[in-house]
């Protein structure tokens, strides 16, 4: 899982620093051609700019899917809120959410262990993808709350549901289970044909500095 996240981060950086910048430079060249006296050239340049704008938006969305900047820079709650907003806007899915996490003394959401934050983010992300792609849901509810030393994540949809014993790898259930277990959590999935799906996980809310303290004690 760590290797996968490192690879996602690497691809996100390369796409942002190389491909996205190259598309931006190409757009500037076409904007110059758009001012040409030849109407055919100007019209073609304008159409090309529209296509590049679409490609830039799609690439930006892909970069965010690979490694959300908000997760690294701001923390779990802003990243989840951005994910839900983007998902609702792009898919038409009605998203209801309730996020209750601990806050730092300055009022900002408290940071959690990085591996825990990415585990929760990917769990919600995968659940939303399943709700849209497989369950064809119209509405989804996302609940994320911190109960003492435990993070509880619940994602429920009103989609078609499925039989657990017949679910194939396309649902990503095995990956979800492994990701939750690797951070010491427990995952439960309740679903049946015609009555939607509920994904519930309980994960220990490790302190972001715990690994550093443990390493220092071990040495």
N, C-alpha and C. Protein backbone atom coordinates (compact mmCIF):
# COMPACT_ATOMS: atom_id res chain seq x y z
N UNK A 1 0.83 -1.20 0.00
CA UNK A 1 0.00 0.00 0.00
C UNK A 1 0.87 1.26 0.00
N UNK A 2 1.95 1.23 0.81
CA UNK A 2 2.85 2.39 0.83
C UNK A 2 3.48 2.61 -0.54
N UNK A 3 3.91 1.50 -1.16
CA UNK A 3 4.52 1.60 -2.49
C UNK A 3 3.54 2.15 -3.50
N UNK A 4 2.29 1.71 -3.39
CA UNK A 4 1.25 2.19 -4.31
C UNK A 4 1.02 3.69 -4.16
N UNK A 5 0.97 4.16 -2.90
CA UNK A 5 0.75 5.59 -2.67
C UNK A 5 1.95 6.42 -3.13
N UNK A 6 3.16 5.88 -2.93
CA UNK A 6 4.36 6.60 -3.43
C UNK A 6 4.33 6.71 -4.94
N UNK A 7 3.90 5.64 -5.60
CA UNK A 7 3.82 5.66 -7.06
C UNK A 7 2.75 6.64 -7.54
N UNK A 8 1.62 6.66 -6.85
CA UNK A 8 0.56 7.62 -7.18
C UNK A 8 1.09 9.05 -7.05
N UNK A 9 1.82 9.31 -5.97
CA UNK A 9 2.37 10.65 -5.75
C UNK A 9 3.35 11.02 -6.85
N UNK A 10 4.19 10.05 -7.24
CA UNK A 10 5.18 10.33 -8.28
C UNK A 10 4.49 10.68 -9.60
N UNK A 11 3.48 9.89 -9.97
CA UNK A 11 2.77 10.16 -11.21
C UNK A 11 2.03 11.49 -11.15
N UNK A 12 1.46 11.80 -10.01
CA UNK A 12 0.75 13.08 -9.87
C UNK A 12 1.71 14.24 -10.07
N UNK A 13 2.92 14.15 -9.47
CA UNK A 13 3.91 15.23 -9.63
C UNK A 13 4.36 15.36 -11.08
N UNK A 14 4.63 14.21 -11.72
CA UNK A 14 5.11 14.26 -13.10
C UNK A 14 4.04 14.80 -14.05
N UNK A 15 2.81 14.39 -13.84
CA UNK A 15 1.73 14.89 -14.69
C UNK A 15 1.54 16.39 -14.49
N UNK A 16 1.68 16.83 -13.24
CA UNK A 16 1.51 18.26 -12.97
C UNK A 16 2.69 19.08 -13.50
N UNK A 17 3.90 18.61 -13.21
CA UNK A 17 5.08 19.40 -13.56
C UNK A 17 5.44 19.34 -15.04
N UNK A 18 5.10 18.24 -15.70
CA UNK A 18 5.47 18.09 -17.11
C UNK A 18 4.27 18.24 -18.04
N UNK A 19 3.39 17.27 -18.02
CA UNK A 19 2.29 17.24 -18.99
C UNK A 19 1.38 18.46 -18.87
N UNK A 20 1.00 18.81 -17.67
CA UNK A 20 0.08 19.93 -17.48
C UNK A 20 0.73 21.24 -17.92
N UNK A 21 2.01 21.41 -17.60
CA UNK A 21 2.72 22.62 -18.02
C UNK A 21 2.87 22.70 -19.54
N UNK A 22 3.10 21.55 -20.17
CA UNK A 22 3.23 21.52 -21.63
C UNK A 22 1.91 21.87 -22.31
N UNK A 23 0.81 21.40 -21.76
CA UNK A 23 -0.50 21.76 -22.31
C UNK A 23 -0.75 23.26 -22.17
N UNK A 24 -0.31 23.82 -21.03
CA UNK A 24 -0.47 25.26 -20.82
C UNK A 24 0.33 26.07 -21.82
N UNK A 25 1.54 25.61 -22.12
CA UNK A 25 2.38 26.30 -23.10
C UNK A 25 1.77 26.20 -24.50
N UNK A 26 1.24 25.05 -24.85
CA UNK A 26 0.60 24.86 -26.15
C UNK A 26 -0.62 25.76 -26.29
N UNK A 27 -1.35 25.92 -25.19
CA UNK A 27 -2.52 26.79 -25.22
C UNK A 27 -2.12 28.24 -25.52
N UNK A 28 -1.00 28.69 -24.94
CA UNK A 28 -0.53 30.06 -25.20
C UNK A 28 -0.19 30.25 -26.67
N UNK A 29 0.44 29.26 -27.30
CA UNK A 29 0.78 29.35 -28.71
C UNK A 29 -0.49 29.44 -29.56
N UNK A 30 -1.48 28.64 -29.22
CA UNK A 30 -2.73 28.65 -29.98
C UNK A 30 -3.49 29.95 -29.79
N UNK A 31 -3.38 30.53 -28.61
CA UNK A 31 -4.04 31.82 -28.39
C UNK A 31 -3.45 32.90 -29.28
N UNK A 32 -2.14 32.79 -29.55
CA UNK A 32 -1.51 33.73 -30.47
C UNK A 32 -2.05 33.51 -31.88
N UNK A 33 -2.20 32.24 -32.29
CA UNK A 33 -2.74 31.93 -33.62
C UNK A 33 -4.19 32.36 -33.75
N UNK A 34 -4.89 32.42 -32.64
CA UNK A 34 -6.31 32.79 -32.66
C UNK A 34 -6.49 34.23 -33.13
N UNK A 35 -5.41 35.02 -33.04
CA UNK A 35 -5.48 36.42 -33.48
C UNK A 35 -5.07 36.58 -34.94
N UNK A 36 -4.85 35.47 -35.64
CA UNK A 36 -4.41 35.54 -37.04
C UNK A 36 -5.47 36.17 -37.93
N UNK A 37 -5.01 36.79 -39.03
CA UNK A 37 -5.92 37.42 -39.98
C UNK A 37 -6.74 36.39 -40.75
N UNK A 38 -6.15 35.22 -40.96
CA UNK A 38 -6.86 34.16 -41.69
C UNK A 38 -7.97 33.60 -40.80
N UNK A 39 -9.24 33.72 -41.22
CA UNK A 39 -10.35 33.26 -40.37
C UNK A 39 -10.33 31.75 -40.12
N UNK A 40 -9.86 30.98 -41.10
CA UNK A 40 -9.82 29.52 -40.93
C UNK A 40 -8.81 29.17 -39.84
N UNK A 41 -7.63 29.82 -39.90
CA UNK A 41 -6.61 29.57 -38.89
C UNK A 41 -7.10 29.98 -37.51
N UNK A 42 -7.75 31.15 -37.42
CA UNK A 42 -8.24 31.63 -36.14
C UNK A 42 -9.32 30.70 -35.57
N UNK A 43 -10.21 30.24 -36.46
CA UNK A 43 -11.28 29.35 -35.99
C UNK A 43 -10.71 28.00 -35.53
N UNK A 44 -9.77 27.47 -36.28
CA UNK A 44 -9.15 26.19 -35.91
C UNK A 44 -8.40 26.31 -34.59
N UNK A 45 -7.71 27.44 -34.40
CA UNK A 45 -6.99 27.67 -33.15
C UNK A 45 -7.96 27.74 -31.98
N UNK A 46 -9.10 28.41 -32.19
CA UNK A 46 -10.10 28.52 -31.13
C UNK A 46 -10.67 27.17 -30.74
N UNK A 47 -10.94 26.33 -31.75
CA UNK A 47 -11.45 24.98 -31.46
C UNK A 47 -10.41 24.15 -30.72
N UNK A 48 -9.15 24.33 -31.11
CA UNK A 48 -8.08 23.59 -30.44
C UNK A 48 -7.92 24.01 -28.99
N UNK A 49 -8.10 25.31 -28.73
CA UNK A 49 -8.00 25.81 -27.37
C UNK A 49 -9.10 25.21 -26.50
N UNK A 50 -10.30 25.09 -27.05
CA UNK A 50 -11.40 24.48 -26.30
C UNK A 50 -11.07 23.04 -25.94
N UNK A 51 -10.47 22.31 -26.89
CA UNK A 51 -10.11 20.92 -26.63
C UNK A 51 -9.02 20.83 -25.57
N UNK A 52 -8.05 21.75 -25.63
CA UNK A 52 -6.98 21.74 -24.64
C UNK A 52 -7.51 22.07 -23.26
N UNK A 53 -8.45 23.02 -23.19
CA UNK A 53 -9.06 23.35 -21.90
C UNK A 53 -9.73 22.13 -21.29
N UNK A 54 -10.43 21.36 -22.13
CA UNK A 54 -11.08 20.14 -21.65
C UNK A 54 -10.04 19.13 -21.17
N UNK A 55 -8.95 18.99 -21.94
CA UNK A 55 -7.89 18.06 -21.56
C UNK A 55 -7.23 18.48 -20.25
N UNK A 56 -7.04 19.78 -20.05
CA UNK A 56 -6.45 20.29 -18.82
C UNK A 56 -7.34 19.98 -17.63
N UNK A 57 -8.66 20.20 -17.79
CA UNK A 57 -9.58 19.91 -16.69
C UNK A 57 -9.58 18.42 -16.35
N UNK A 58 -9.58 17.58 -17.37
CA UNK A 58 -9.56 16.14 -17.14
C UNK A 58 -8.26 15.71 -16.46
N UNK A 59 -7.16 16.31 -16.88
CA UNK A 59 -5.86 15.96 -16.30
C UNK A 59 -5.79 16.42 -14.84
N UNK A 60 -6.31 17.60 -14.57
CA UNK A 60 -6.32 18.09 -13.19
C UNK A 60 -7.13 17.16 -12.29
N UNK A 61 -8.27 16.67 -12.82
CA UNK A 61 -9.09 15.74 -12.05
C UNK A 61 -8.34 14.44 -11.80
N UNK A 62 -7.61 13.97 -12.82
CA UNK A 62 -6.83 12.74 -12.67
C UNK A 62 -5.73 12.91 -11.64
N UNK A 63 -5.05 14.05 -11.67
CA UNK A 63 -3.98 14.32 -10.71
C UNK A 63 -4.54 14.32 -9.28
N UNK A 64 -5.71 14.92 -9.12
CA UNK A 64 -6.34 14.95 -7.80
C UNK A 64 -6.73 13.56 -7.34
N UNK A 65 -7.20 12.72 -8.28
CA UNK A 65 -7.55 11.35 -7.92
C UNK A 65 -6.30 10.56 -7.50
N UNK A 66 -5.20 10.79 -8.19
CA UNK A 66 -3.97 10.08 -7.88
C UNK A 66 -3.45 10.45 -6.50
N UNK A 67 -3.38 11.72 -6.22
CA UNK A 67 -2.89 12.17 -4.92
C UNK A 67 -3.47 13.55 -4.61
N UNK A 68 -4.55 13.60 -3.81
CA UNK A 68 -5.18 14.89 -3.51
C UNK A 68 -4.26 15.81 -2.72
N UNK A 69 -3.99 16.97 -3.28
CA UNK A 69 -3.09 17.92 -2.61
C UNK A 69 -3.65 18.36 -1.26
N UNK A 70 -4.98 18.47 -1.17
CA UNK A 70 -5.61 18.91 0.07
C UNK A 70 -5.30 17.97 1.22
N UNK A 71 -5.15 16.68 0.92
CA UNK A 71 -4.87 15.70 1.97
C UNK A 71 -3.50 15.94 2.58
N UNK A 72 -2.51 16.21 1.75
CA UNK A 72 -1.15 16.46 2.24
C UNK A 72 -1.03 17.82 2.91
N UNK A 73 -1.69 18.81 2.35
CA UNK A 73 -1.49 20.18 2.81
C UNK A 73 -2.42 20.59 3.95
N UNK A 74 -3.68 20.12 3.90
CA UNK A 74 -4.69 20.60 4.84
C UNK A 74 -5.20 19.54 5.81
N UNK A 75 -5.13 18.28 5.42
CA UNK A 75 -5.61 17.23 6.30
C UNK A 75 -6.83 16.51 5.78
N UNK A 76 -7.31 15.58 6.59
CA UNK A 76 -8.36 14.66 6.16
C UNK A 76 -9.70 15.34 5.89
N UNK A 77 -10.16 16.17 6.82
CA UNK A 77 -11.49 16.74 6.66
C UNK A 77 -11.62 17.61 5.41
N UNK A 78 -10.72 18.57 5.16
CA UNK A 78 -10.84 19.35 3.91
C UNK A 78 -10.74 18.48 2.66
N UNK A 79 -9.89 17.44 2.71
CA UNK A 79 -9.74 16.56 1.55
C UNK A 79 -11.02 15.79 1.27
N UNK A 80 -11.66 15.27 2.33
CA UNK A 80 -12.91 14.54 2.16
C UNK A 80 -14.01 15.48 1.66
N UNK A 81 -14.08 16.68 2.22
CA UNK A 81 -15.10 17.64 1.78
C UNK A 81 -14.92 17.99 0.31
N UNK A 82 -13.68 18.16 -0.12
CA UNK A 82 -13.40 18.45 -1.53
C UNK A 82 -13.79 17.26 -2.40
N UNK A 83 -13.47 16.05 -1.96
CA UNK A 83 -13.82 14.84 -2.70
C UNK A 83 -15.33 14.73 -2.87
N UNK A 84 -16.09 14.96 -1.81
CA UNK A 84 -17.54 14.84 -1.89
C UNK A 84 -18.13 15.90 -2.81
N UNK A 85 -17.62 17.11 -2.72
CA UNK A 85 -18.11 18.19 -3.57
C UNK A 85 -17.83 17.90 -5.04
N UNK A 86 -16.62 17.43 -5.33
CA UNK A 86 -16.25 17.13 -6.71
C UNK A 86 -17.06 15.97 -7.26
N UNK A 87 -17.25 14.94 -6.44
CA UNK A 87 -18.02 13.78 -6.88
C UNK A 87 -19.46 14.15 -7.19
N UNK A 88 -20.05 14.96 -6.33
CA UNK A 88 -21.43 15.40 -6.55
C UNK A 88 -21.55 16.22 -7.83
N UNK A 89 -20.59 17.11 -8.06
CA UNK A 89 -20.63 17.99 -9.23
C UNK A 89 -20.44 17.23 -10.53
N UNK A 90 -19.58 16.23 -10.53
CA UNK A 90 -19.26 15.53 -11.78
C UNK A 90 -20.20 14.37 -12.09
N UNK A 91 -20.82 13.80 -11.05
CA UNK A 91 -21.65 12.60 -11.28
C UNK A 91 -23.14 12.85 -11.13
N UNK A 92 -23.51 13.96 -10.46
CA UNK A 92 -24.92 14.21 -10.19
C UNK A 92 -25.42 13.48 -8.96
N UNK A 93 -24.53 12.74 -8.28
CA UNK A 93 -24.89 12.00 -7.07
C UNK A 93 -25.23 12.99 -5.95
N UNK A 94 -26.34 12.74 -5.27
CA UNK A 94 -26.71 13.56 -4.12
C UNK A 94 -25.93 13.05 -2.91
N UNK A 95 -25.10 13.90 -2.34
CA UNK A 95 -24.22 13.49 -1.25
C UNK A 95 -24.60 14.22 0.03
N UNK A 96 -24.90 13.46 1.06
CA UNK A 96 -25.13 14.00 2.39
C UNK A 96 -23.93 13.63 3.25
N UNK A 97 -23.44 14.57 4.04
CA UNK A 97 -22.25 14.26 4.82
C UNK A 97 -22.32 14.85 6.21
N UNK A 98 -21.63 14.20 7.11
CA UNK A 98 -21.47 14.68 8.48
C UNK A 98 -20.07 14.29 8.94
N UNK A 99 -19.23 15.28 9.17
CA UNK A 99 -17.84 15.02 9.56
C UNK A 99 -17.58 15.64 10.92
N UNK A 100 -17.22 14.80 11.88
CA UNK A 100 -16.96 15.26 13.24
C UNK A 100 -15.61 14.71 13.69
N UNK A 101 -14.57 15.46 13.42
CA UNK A 101 -13.22 15.07 13.81
C UNK A 101 -12.70 16.02 14.88
N UNK A 102 -11.68 15.58 15.59
CA UNK A 102 -11.07 16.42 16.62
C UNK A 102 -10.41 17.64 15.98
N UNK A 103 -10.32 18.72 16.75
CA UNK A 103 -9.70 19.95 16.26
C UNK A 103 -8.51 20.33 17.13
N UNK A 104 -7.57 21.01 16.49
CA UNK A 104 -6.40 21.51 17.20
C UNK A 104 -6.79 22.75 18.01
N UNK A 105 -5.94 23.22 18.93
CA UNK A 105 -6.26 24.41 19.73
C UNK A 105 -6.59 25.65 18.90
N UNK A 106 -6.03 25.75 17.69
CA UNK A 106 -6.31 26.92 16.86
C UNK A 106 -7.62 26.79 16.09
N UNK A 107 -8.33 25.69 16.30
CA UNK A 107 -9.62 25.50 15.63
C UNK A 107 -9.56 24.72 14.35
N UNK A 108 -8.37 24.50 13.81
CA UNK A 108 -8.22 23.73 12.57
C UNK A 108 -8.37 22.25 12.88
N UNK A 109 -8.84 21.46 11.89
CA UNK A 109 -8.95 20.01 12.11
C UNK A 109 -7.60 19.42 12.49
N UNK A 110 -7.58 18.59 13.53
CA UNK A 110 -6.34 17.97 13.97
C UNK A 110 -5.84 16.97 12.93
N UNK A 111 -4.53 16.91 12.75
CA UNK A 111 -3.95 15.97 11.81
C UNK A 111 -3.84 14.59 12.45
N UNK A 112 -4.03 13.57 11.62
CA UNK A 112 -3.91 12.19 12.05
C UNK A 112 -2.67 11.59 11.41
N UNK A 113 -2.37 10.35 11.79
CA UNK A 113 -1.26 9.65 11.18
C UNK A 113 -1.46 9.62 9.66
N UNK A 114 -0.44 9.94 8.86
CA UNK A 114 -0.59 10.01 7.40
C UNK A 114 -1.17 8.74 6.78
N UNK A 115 -0.75 7.58 7.26
CA UNK A 115 -1.26 6.34 6.69
C UNK A 115 -2.74 6.16 7.02
N UNK A 116 -3.15 6.63 8.18
CA UNK A 116 -4.57 6.56 8.55
C UNK A 116 -5.38 7.51 7.68
N UNK A 117 -4.87 8.71 7.48
CA UNK A 117 -5.59 9.68 6.66
C UNK A 117 -5.80 9.16 5.24
N UNK A 118 -4.77 8.60 4.64
CA UNK A 118 -4.91 8.11 3.27
C UNK A 118 -5.81 6.87 3.24
N UNK A 119 -5.78 6.05 4.29
CA UNK A 119 -6.66 4.87 4.34
C UNK A 119 -8.13 5.29 4.38
N UNK A 120 -8.44 6.28 5.20
CA UNK A 120 -9.83 6.76 5.29
C UNK A 120 -10.24 7.40 3.97
N UNK A 121 -9.36 8.21 3.40
CA UNK A 121 -9.67 8.88 2.14
C UNK A 121 -9.95 7.87 1.03
N UNK A 122 -9.07 6.88 0.89
CA UNK A 122 -9.25 5.88 -0.17
C UNK A 122 -10.50 5.04 0.07
N UNK A 123 -10.83 4.77 1.33
CA UNK A 123 -12.03 4.01 1.64
C UNK A 123 -13.28 4.75 1.18
N UNK A 124 -13.35 6.04 1.49
CA UNK A 124 -14.50 6.85 1.06
C UNK A 124 -14.51 6.96 -0.46
N UNK A 125 -13.35 7.19 -1.05
CA UNK A 125 -13.24 7.33 -2.50
C UNK A 125 -13.72 6.06 -3.22
N UNK A 126 -13.27 4.90 -2.76
CA UNK A 126 -13.66 3.63 -3.38
C UNK A 126 -15.14 3.35 -3.18
N UNK A 127 -15.68 3.69 -2.01
CA UNK A 127 -17.10 3.49 -1.75
C UNK A 127 -17.95 4.35 -2.68
N UNK A 128 -17.53 5.59 -2.90
CA UNK A 128 -18.26 6.47 -3.81
C UNK A 128 -18.19 5.94 -5.24
N UNK A 129 -17.01 5.46 -5.64
CA UNK A 129 -16.86 4.90 -6.98
C UNK A 129 -17.78 3.71 -7.18
N UNK A 130 -17.86 2.83 -6.19
CA UNK A 130 -18.75 1.68 -6.29
C UNK A 130 -20.21 2.10 -6.36
N UNK A 131 -20.57 3.12 -5.58
CA UNK A 131 -21.96 3.59 -5.57
C UNK A 131 -22.37 4.11 -6.93
N UNK A 132 -21.42 4.77 -7.61
CA UNK A 132 -21.73 5.35 -8.92
C UNK A 132 -21.61 4.32 -10.04
N UNK A 133 -20.50 3.62 -10.05
CA UNK A 133 -20.18 2.74 -11.17
C UNK A 133 -20.95 1.42 -11.15
N UNK A 134 -21.08 0.82 -9.98
CA UNK A 134 -21.70 -0.51 -9.90
C UNK A 134 -23.14 -0.47 -9.40
N UNK A 135 -23.40 0.35 -8.38
CA UNK A 135 -24.73 0.36 -7.77
C UNK A 135 -25.69 1.32 -8.45
N UNK A 136 -25.14 2.26 -9.26
CA UNK A 136 -25.98 3.27 -9.95
C UNK A 136 -26.87 4.00 -8.94
N UNK A 137 -26.26 4.36 -7.82
CA UNK A 137 -27.00 5.03 -6.75
C UNK A 137 -27.34 6.46 -7.13
N UNK A 138 -28.38 6.98 -6.51
CA UNK A 138 -28.77 8.37 -6.70
C UNK A 138 -28.40 9.22 -5.49
N UNK A 139 -28.28 8.56 -4.35
CA UNK A 139 -28.00 9.28 -3.11
C UNK A 139 -27.02 8.48 -2.25
N UNK A 140 -26.12 9.19 -1.60
CA UNK A 140 -25.16 8.52 -0.71
C UNK A 140 -24.98 9.37 0.54
N UNK A 141 -24.79 8.69 1.65
CA UNK A 141 -24.57 9.36 2.93
C UNK A 141 -23.19 8.99 3.44
N UNK A 142 -22.41 10.01 3.80
CA UNK A 142 -21.05 9.79 4.31
C UNK A 142 -20.96 10.36 5.71
N UNK A 143 -20.62 9.49 6.65
CA UNK A 143 -20.46 9.90 8.04
C UNK A 143 -19.03 9.58 8.49
N UNK A 144 -18.39 10.57 9.05
CA UNK A 144 -17.01 10.41 9.51
C UNK A 144 -16.90 11.09 10.87
N UNK A 145 -16.68 10.30 11.90
CA UNK A 145 -16.62 10.89 13.24
C UNK A 145 -15.52 10.25 14.06
N UNK A 146 -15.03 11.01 15.01
CA UNK A 146 -13.97 10.54 15.90
C UNK A 146 -14.57 10.30 17.28
N UNK A 147 -14.48 9.06 17.73
CA UNK A 147 -14.98 8.69 19.05
C UNK A 147 -13.78 8.31 19.92
N UNK A 148 -13.34 9.24 20.75
CA UNK A 148 -12.15 9.03 21.57
C UNK A 148 -10.96 8.64 20.68
N UNK A 149 -10.49 7.41 20.78
CA UNK A 149 -9.32 7.00 20.01
C UNK A 149 -9.69 6.19 18.78
N UNK A 150 -10.91 6.36 18.28
CA UNK A 150 -11.37 5.59 17.13
C UNK A 150 -12.00 6.50 16.08
N UNK A 151 -11.65 6.26 14.82
CA UNK A 151 -12.29 6.94 13.70
C UNK A 151 -13.32 5.97 13.11
N UNK A 152 -14.57 6.43 13.04
CA UNK A 152 -15.64 5.60 12.49
C UNK A 152 -16.08 6.20 11.15
N UNK A 153 -16.01 5.39 10.11
CA UNK A 153 -16.39 5.82 8.76
C UNK A 153 -17.59 4.99 8.30
N UNK A 154 -18.65 5.67 7.86
CA UNK A 154 -19.83 4.98 7.35
C UNK A 154 -20.25 5.61 6.04
N UNK A 155 -20.35 4.79 5.00
CA UNK A 155 -20.80 5.26 3.69
C UNK A 155 -21.96 4.37 3.26
N UNK A 156 -23.15 4.98 3.10
CA UNK A 156 -24.35 4.23 2.72
C UNK A 156 -24.91 4.80 1.43
N UNK A 157 -25.35 3.91 0.53
CA UNK A 157 -25.96 4.37 -0.72
C UNK A 157 -27.30 3.67 -0.94
N UNK A 158 -28.10 4.24 -1.83
CA UNK A 158 -29.42 3.68 -2.14
C UNK A 158 -29.41 2.92 -3.47
N UNK A 159 -28.25 2.38 -3.82
CA UNK A 159 -28.10 1.71 -5.11
C UNK A 159 -28.67 0.30 -5.14
N UNK A 160 -28.26 -0.44 -6.15
CA UNK A 160 -28.81 -1.77 -6.42
C UNK A 160 -28.34 -2.84 -5.45
N UNK A 161 -27.23 -2.60 -4.75
CA UNK A 161 -26.72 -3.59 -3.83
C UNK A 161 -26.15 -4.80 -4.54
N UNK A 162 -25.67 -5.78 -3.77
CA UNK A 162 -25.09 -6.98 -4.37
C UNK A 162 -25.00 -8.07 -3.32
N UNK A 163 -24.74 -9.29 -3.76
CA UNK A 163 -24.52 -10.40 -2.85
C UNK A 163 -23.03 -10.50 -2.59
N UNK A 164 -22.63 -10.40 -1.33
CA UNK A 164 -21.20 -10.40 -0.99
C UNK A 164 -20.48 -11.61 -1.57
N UNK A 165 -21.09 -12.79 -1.49
CA UNK A 165 -20.40 -14.00 -1.91
C UNK A 165 -20.22 -14.06 -3.42
N UNK A 166 -20.96 -13.21 -4.15
CA UNK A 166 -20.85 -13.21 -5.61
C UNK A 166 -20.13 -11.98 -6.14
N UNK A 167 -19.76 -11.08 -5.25
CA UNK A 167 -19.09 -9.84 -5.68
C UNK A 167 -17.72 -10.17 -6.23
N UNK A 168 -17.40 -9.62 -7.39
CA UNK A 168 -16.09 -9.88 -7.98
C UNK A 168 -15.11 -8.77 -7.61
N UNK A 169 -13.89 -8.90 -8.12
CA UNK A 169 -12.85 -7.93 -7.78
C UNK A 169 -13.12 -6.53 -8.27
N UNK A 170 -14.08 -6.35 -9.15
CA UNK A 170 -14.37 -5.02 -9.68
C UNK A 170 -14.84 -4.05 -8.63
N UNK A 171 -15.38 -4.59 -7.51
CA UNK A 171 -15.85 -3.73 -6.44
C UNK A 171 -14.71 -3.22 -5.57
N UNK A 172 -13.54 -3.82 -5.68
CA UNK A 172 -12.40 -3.39 -4.88
C UNK A 172 -12.53 -3.74 -3.41
N UNK A 173 -13.37 -4.74 -3.08
CA UNK A 173 -13.63 -5.05 -1.67
C UNK A 173 -12.40 -5.61 -0.97
N UNK A 174 -11.64 -6.43 -1.67
CA UNK A 174 -10.44 -7.01 -1.06
C UNK A 174 -9.44 -5.92 -0.72
N UNK A 175 -9.24 -4.99 -1.66
CA UNK A 175 -8.32 -3.88 -1.42
C UNK A 175 -8.78 -3.01 -0.26
N UNK A 176 -10.08 -2.77 -0.17
CA UNK A 176 -10.61 -1.98 0.94
C UNK A 176 -10.35 -2.68 2.27
N UNK A 177 -10.60 -4.00 2.30
CA UNK A 177 -10.39 -4.79 3.51
C UNK A 177 -8.92 -4.74 3.94
N UNK A 178 -8.02 -4.95 2.98
CA UNK A 178 -6.59 -4.96 3.29
C UNK A 178 -6.11 -3.60 3.78
N UNK A 179 -6.59 -2.56 3.14
CA UNK A 179 -6.14 -1.21 3.51
C UNK A 179 -6.56 -0.89 4.94
N UNK A 180 -7.79 -1.25 5.30
CA UNK A 180 -8.28 -0.98 6.66
C UNK A 180 -7.52 -1.82 7.68
N UNK A 181 -7.30 -3.09 7.37
CA UNK A 181 -6.60 -3.96 8.31
C UNK A 181 -5.15 -3.55 8.52
N UNK A 182 -4.52 -2.98 7.50
CA UNK A 182 -3.12 -2.59 7.61
C UNK A 182 -2.91 -1.44 8.59
N UNK A 183 -3.95 -0.66 8.84
CA UNK A 183 -3.84 0.42 9.85
C UNK A 183 -4.52 0.00 11.14
N UNK A 184 -4.77 -1.30 11.29
CA UNK A 184 -5.31 -1.82 12.54
C UNK A 184 -6.80 -1.67 12.71
N UNK A 185 -7.52 -1.50 11.61
CA UNK A 185 -8.96 -1.29 11.71
C UNK A 185 -9.79 -2.51 11.35
N UNK A 186 -11.10 -2.33 11.42
CA UNK A 186 -12.05 -3.39 11.07
C UNK A 186 -13.04 -2.83 10.05
N UNK A 187 -13.40 -3.67 9.07
CA UNK A 187 -14.31 -3.25 8.00
C UNK A 187 -15.50 -4.20 7.95
N UNK A 188 -16.70 -3.64 7.82
CA UNK A 188 -17.92 -4.42 7.66
C UNK A 188 -18.71 -3.86 6.49
N UNK A 189 -19.20 -4.74 5.63
CA UNK A 189 -19.97 -4.32 4.46
C UNK A 189 -21.32 -5.03 4.50
N UNK A 190 -22.37 -4.25 4.51
CA UNK A 190 -23.73 -4.79 4.55
C UNK A 190 -24.42 -4.43 3.23
N UNK A 191 -24.79 -5.45 2.47
CA UNK A 191 -25.43 -5.20 1.18
C UNK A 191 -26.26 -6.41 0.77
N UNK A 192 -27.26 -6.16 -0.03
CA UNK A 192 -28.09 -7.21 -0.61
C UNK A 192 -28.76 -6.62 -1.84
N UNK A 193 -29.05 -7.44 -2.85
CA UNK A 193 -29.69 -6.93 -4.07
C UNK A 193 -30.97 -6.15 -3.77
N UNK A 194 -31.02 -4.94 -4.29
CA UNK A 194 -32.23 -4.13 -4.16
C UNK A 194 -32.33 -3.27 -2.92
N UNK A 195 -31.36 -3.34 -2.01
CA UNK A 195 -31.48 -2.53 -0.80
C UNK A 195 -30.21 -1.74 -0.45
N UNK A 196 -29.40 -1.45 -1.42
CA UNK A 196 -28.27 -0.58 -1.21
C UNK A 196 -27.12 -1.24 -0.47
N UNK A 197 -26.12 -0.41 -0.16
CA UNK A 197 -24.90 -0.91 0.48
C UNK A 197 -24.46 0.05 1.57
N UNK A 198 -24.00 -0.51 2.67
CA UNK A 198 -23.40 0.29 3.74
C UNK A 198 -22.01 -0.25 4.05
N UNK A 199 -21.04 0.63 3.96
CA UNK A 199 -19.65 0.30 4.29
C UNK A 199 -19.33 0.99 5.61
N UNK A 200 -18.87 0.21 6.59
CA UNK A 200 -18.56 0.78 7.90
C UNK A 200 -17.18 0.30 8.35
N UNK A 201 -16.36 1.24 8.75
CA UNK A 201 -15.01 0.91 9.21
C UNK A 201 -14.73 1.60 10.53
N UNK A 202 -14.02 0.90 11.40
CA UNK A 202 -13.54 1.48 12.65
C UNK A 202 -12.02 1.38 12.63
N UNK A 203 -11.35 2.53 12.78
CA UNK A 203 -9.89 2.57 12.69
C UNK A 203 -9.32 3.31 13.89
N UNK A 204 -8.21 2.83 14.43
CA UNK A 204 -7.59 3.52 15.57
C UNK A 204 -7.03 4.87 15.15
N UNK A 205 -7.34 5.91 15.92
CA UNK A 205 -6.90 7.27 15.58
C UNK A 205 -5.51 7.52 16.11
N UNK A 206 -4.52 7.00 15.39
CA UNK A 206 -3.13 7.15 15.82
C UNK A 206 -2.67 8.60 15.68
N UNK A 207 -1.82 9.00 16.63
CA UNK A 207 -1.21 10.33 16.60
C UNK A 207 -0.20 10.39 15.45
N UNK A 208 -0.13 11.50 14.70
CA UNK A 208 0.80 11.59 13.58
C UNK A 208 2.25 11.47 13.99
N UNK A 209 2.57 11.72 15.26
CA UNK A 209 3.96 11.64 15.71
C UNK A 209 4.27 10.31 16.40
N UNK A 210 3.28 9.41 16.42
CA UNK A 210 3.47 8.16 17.15
C UNK A 210 4.61 7.34 16.57
N UNK A 211 4.70 7.30 15.23
CA UNK A 211 5.75 6.51 14.59
C UNK A 211 7.13 7.04 14.97
N UNK A 212 7.24 8.38 15.05
CA UNK A 212 8.52 8.99 15.40
C UNK A 212 8.90 8.63 16.85
N UNK A 213 7.89 8.70 17.74
CA UNK A 213 8.16 8.39 19.14
C UNK A 213 8.56 6.93 19.30
N UNK A 214 7.84 6.04 18.55
CA UNK A 214 8.13 4.62 18.65
C UNK A 214 9.53 4.32 18.14
N UNK A 215 9.91 4.99 17.04
CA UNK A 215 11.24 4.77 16.47
C UNK A 215 12.32 5.23 17.43
N UNK A 216 12.05 6.37 18.11
CA UNK A 216 13.03 6.88 19.05
C UNK A 216 13.18 5.97 20.26
N UNK A 217 12.05 5.40 20.72
CA UNK A 217 12.10 4.49 21.87
C UNK A 217 12.85 3.22 21.51
N UNK A 218 12.62 2.74 20.27
CA UNK A 218 13.25 1.50 19.83
C UNK A 218 14.75 1.65 19.72
N UNK A 219 15.19 2.87 19.32
CA UNK A 219 16.63 3.08 19.19
C UNK A 219 17.29 3.28 20.56
